[in-house]
Each structure stands twice: as C-alpha cells, then as structure tokens.
Amino acid sequence: MKIFCTAIVIVFGITYLLCLGLYVIGSFGLFGSPSGPLAGVFLMPLGLPWVFMLERFSDTLKPWLAILAPGLNLIILATVCRILDR
C-alpha cells in the first residue's frame, strides 16, 4: 500500500509541475507559443473541488488561487498517505 500511495503522490506532483509549466508558457507566450486565456486549463481539473469555491474571491486573486489549488490537493494526498502508513 505504501508504494502505491507514494506513486500516486509522485505522479500527481509531476503532473502538477508539468501543468504549471504549461501555464507559464501559455501565459507569457514563451517559446513562440501564443498567449491566451486558456493557459491554465490543465490546472483546473487538478484543483477540483477547490476551483469551484473561487467565486467568492476578487478577480485579481482568482488566477493565483487556481495555481495553488492543485498544491492543496497534493498536500491532502500526502497527508492521507502518511495516515494510512501508520
């Protein structure tokens, strides 16, 4: 169980970093890619259900909170794995 749980946390973390990299590339138009509003589309599913709660915040905070939402899920996954290992 420990190996399975650790693998899930590692895969989720790598996926989060890749999606974060795609967000940065798409937002700033790096490497000749066009910049657009859909740059963070891959971060949204990783940040569920927290991205649904962003309606309450201001428009300037929403992108930053959407970036941090998958990180919260990663912390929750790691915590659950530690609890299950005991």
C-alpha atoms as a PDB file:
ATOM      1  CA  MET A   1       0.000   0.000   0.000  1.00  0.00           C
ATOM      2  CA  LYS A   2       2.869   2.342   0.791  1.00  0.00           C
ATOM      3  CA  ILE A   3       4.406   2.016  -2.684  1.00  0.00           C
ATOM      4  CA  PHE A   4       1.052   2.566  -4.394  1.00  0.00           C
ATOM      5  CA  CYS A   5       0.263   5.636  -2.314  1.00  0.00           C
ATOM      6  CA  THR A   6       3.742   7.085  -2.807  1.00  0.00           C
ATOM      7  CA  ALA A   7       3.486   6.510  -6.559  1.00  0.00           C
ATOM      8  CA  ILE A   8       0.170   8.367  -6.694  1.00  0.00           C
ATOM      9  CA  VAL A   9       1.636  11.344  -4.817  1.00  0.00           C
ATOM     10  CA  ILE A  10       4.703  11.433  -7.075  1.00  0.00           C
ATOM     11  CA  VAL A  11       2.664  11.162 -10.291  1.00  0.00           C
ATOM     12  CA  PHE A  12       0.266  13.871  -9.103  1.00  0.00           C
ATOM     13  CA  GLY A  13       3.192  16.113  -8.153  1.00  0.00           C
ATOM     14  CA  ILE A  14       4.893  15.666 -11.527  1.00  0.00           C
ATOM     15  CA  THR A  15       1.615  16.291 -13.337  1.00  0.00           C
ATOM     16  CA  TYR A  16       1.099  19.442 -11.276  1.00  0.00           C
ATOM     17  CA  LEU A  17       4.566  20.722 -12.165  1.00  0.00           C
ATOM     18  CA  LEU A  18       4.034  19.976 -15.864  1.00  0.00           C
ATOM     19  CA  CYS A  19       0.681  21.768 -15.884  1.00  0.00           C
ATOM     20  CA  LEU A  20       2.219  24.683 -14.019  1.00  0.00           C
ATOM     21  CA  GLY A  21       4.952  24.858 -16.638  1.00  0.00           C
ATOM     22  CA  LEU A  22       2.368  24.820 -19.431  1.00  0.00           C
ATOM     23  CA  TYR A  23       0.512  27.612 -17.653  1.00  0.00           C
ATOM     24  CA  VAL A  24       3.638  29.769 -17.509  1.00  0.00           C
ATOM     25  CA  ILE A  25       4.495  29.043 -21.148  1.00  0.00           C
ATOM     26  CA  GLY A  26       0.928  29.787 -22.288  1.00  0.00           C
ATOM     27  CA  SER A  27       0.502  32.893 -20.148  1.00  0.00           C
ATOM     28  CA  PHE A  28       3.684  34.640 -21.181  1.00  0.00           C
ATOM     29  CA  GLY A  29       3.917  33.301 -24.735  1.00  0.00           C
ATOM     30  CA  LEU A  30       7.283  31.650 -24.200  1.00  0.00           C
ATOM     31  CA  PHE A  31       8.961  29.563 -26.916  1.00  0.00           C
ATOM     32  CA  GLY A  32       6.841  31.217 -29.598  1.00  0.00           C
ATOM     33  CA  SER A  33       3.530  29.930 -28.286  1.00  0.00           C
ATOM     34  CA  PRO A  34       0.560  32.259 -28.430  1.00  0.00           C
ATOM     35  CA  SER A  35      -0.544  33.645 -25.090  1.00  0.00           C
ATOM     36  CA  GLY A  36      -4.196  33.282 -24.259  1.00  0.00           C
ATOM     37  CA  PRO A  37      -6.779  32.957 -21.544  1.00  0.00           C
ATOM     38  CA  LEU A  38      -6.850  29.150 -21.742  1.00  0.00           C
ATOM     39  CA  ALA A  39      -3.296  28.723 -20.473  1.00  0.00           C
ATOM     40  CA  GLY A  40      -4.457  27.356 -17.119  1.00  0.00           C
ATOM     41  CA  VAL A  41      -6.986  24.897 -18.481  1.00  0.00           C
ATOM     42  CA  PHE A  42      -4.888  21.906 -17.387  1.00  0.00           C
ATOM     43  CA  LEU A  43      -4.622  23.190 -13.819  1.00  0.00           C
ATOM     44  CA  MET A  44      -8.384  23.312 -13.354  1.00  0.00           C
ATOM     45  CA  PRO A  45      -9.086  19.552 -13.134  1.00  0.00           C
ATOM     46  CA  LEU A  46      -6.132  19.074 -10.789  1.00  0.00           C
ATOM     47  CA  GLY A  47      -7.516  21.736  -8.466  1.00  0.00           C
ATOM     48  CA  LEU A  48     -11.014  20.349  -8.149  1.00  0.00           C
ATOM     49  CA  PRO A  49     -13.093  20.852  -5.944  1.00  0.00           C
ATOM     50  CA  TRP A  50     -11.323  23.996  -4.725  1.00  0.00           C
ATOM     51  CA  VAL A  51     -11.602  25.876  -8.026  1.00  0.00           C
ATOM     52  CA  PHE A  52     -15.382  25.868  -7.660  1.00  0.00           C
ATOM     53  CA  MET A  53     -15.009  27.898  -4.472  1.00  0.00           C
ATOM     54  CA  LEU A  54     -13.148  30.752  -6.187  1.00  0.00           C
ATOM     55  CA  GLU A  55     -16.343  32.657  -6.963  1.00  0.00           C
ATOM     56  CA  ARG A  56     -16.127  34.460  -3.628  1.00  0.00           C
ATOM     57  CA  PHE A  57     -12.708  35.992  -4.291  1.00  0.00           C
ATOM     58  CA  SER A  58     -11.728  39.025  -6.337  1.00  0.00           C
ATOM     59  CA  ASP A  59     -10.689  38.706  -9.965  1.00  0.00           C
ATOM     60  CA  THR A  60      -7.084  39.577  -9.150  1.00  0.00           C
ATOM     61  CA  LEU A  61      -6.781  36.681  -6.680  1.00  0.00           C
ATOM     62  CA  LYS A  62      -8.502  34.023  -8.777  1.00  0.00           C
ATOM     63  CA  PRO A  63      -5.519  33.109 -11.008  1.00  0.00           C
ATOM     64  CA  TRP A  64      -3.191  32.803  -8.028  1.00  0.00           C
ATOM     65  CA  LEU A  65      -5.644  30.668  -6.086  1.00  0.00           C
ATOM     66  CA  ALA A  66      -6.260  28.486  -9.137  1.00  0.00           C
ATOM     67  CA  ILE A  67      -2.497  27.908  -9.335  1.00  0.00           C
ATOM     68  CA  LEU A  68      -2.353  26.933  -5.646  1.00  0.00           C
ATOM     69  CA  ALA A  69      -5.452  24.688  -5.635  1.00  0.00           C
ATOM     70  CA  PRO A  70      -3.653  21.581  -7.011  1.00  0.00           C
ATOM     71  CA  GLY A  71      -0.968  22.135  -4.395  1.00  0.00           C
ATOM     72  CA  LEU A  72      -3.633  21.852  -1.717  1.00  0.00           C
ATOM     73  CA  ASN A  73      -4.779  18.562  -3.228  1.00  0.00           C
ATOM     74  CA  LEU A  74      -1.166  17.364  -3.254  1.00  0.00           C
ATOM     75  CA  ILE A  75      -0.825  18.195   0.441  1.00  0.00           C
ATOM     76  CA  ILE A  76      -4.062  16.350   1.196  1.00  0.00           C
ATOM     77  CA  LEU A  77      -2.889  13.288  -0.760  1.00  0.00           C
ATOM     78  CA  ALA A  78       0.457  13.234   1.044  1.00  0.00           C
ATOM     79  CA  THR A  79      -1.258  13.584   4.418  1.00  0.00           C
ATOM     80  CA  VAL A  80      -3.669  10.741   3.683  1.00  0.00           C
ATOM     81  CA  CYS A  81      -0.735   8.555   2.630  1.00  0.00           C
ATOM     82  CA  ARG A  82       1.085   9.281   5.889  1.00  0.00           C
ATOM     83  CA  ILE A  83      -2.024   8.452   7.906  1.00  0.00           C
ATOM     84  CA  LEU A  84      -2.564   5.193   6.014  1.00  0.00           C
ATOM     85  CA  ASP A  85       1.057   4.158   6.553  1.00  0.00           C
ATOM     86  CA  ARG A  86       0.590   4.159  10.325  1.00  0.00           C
END
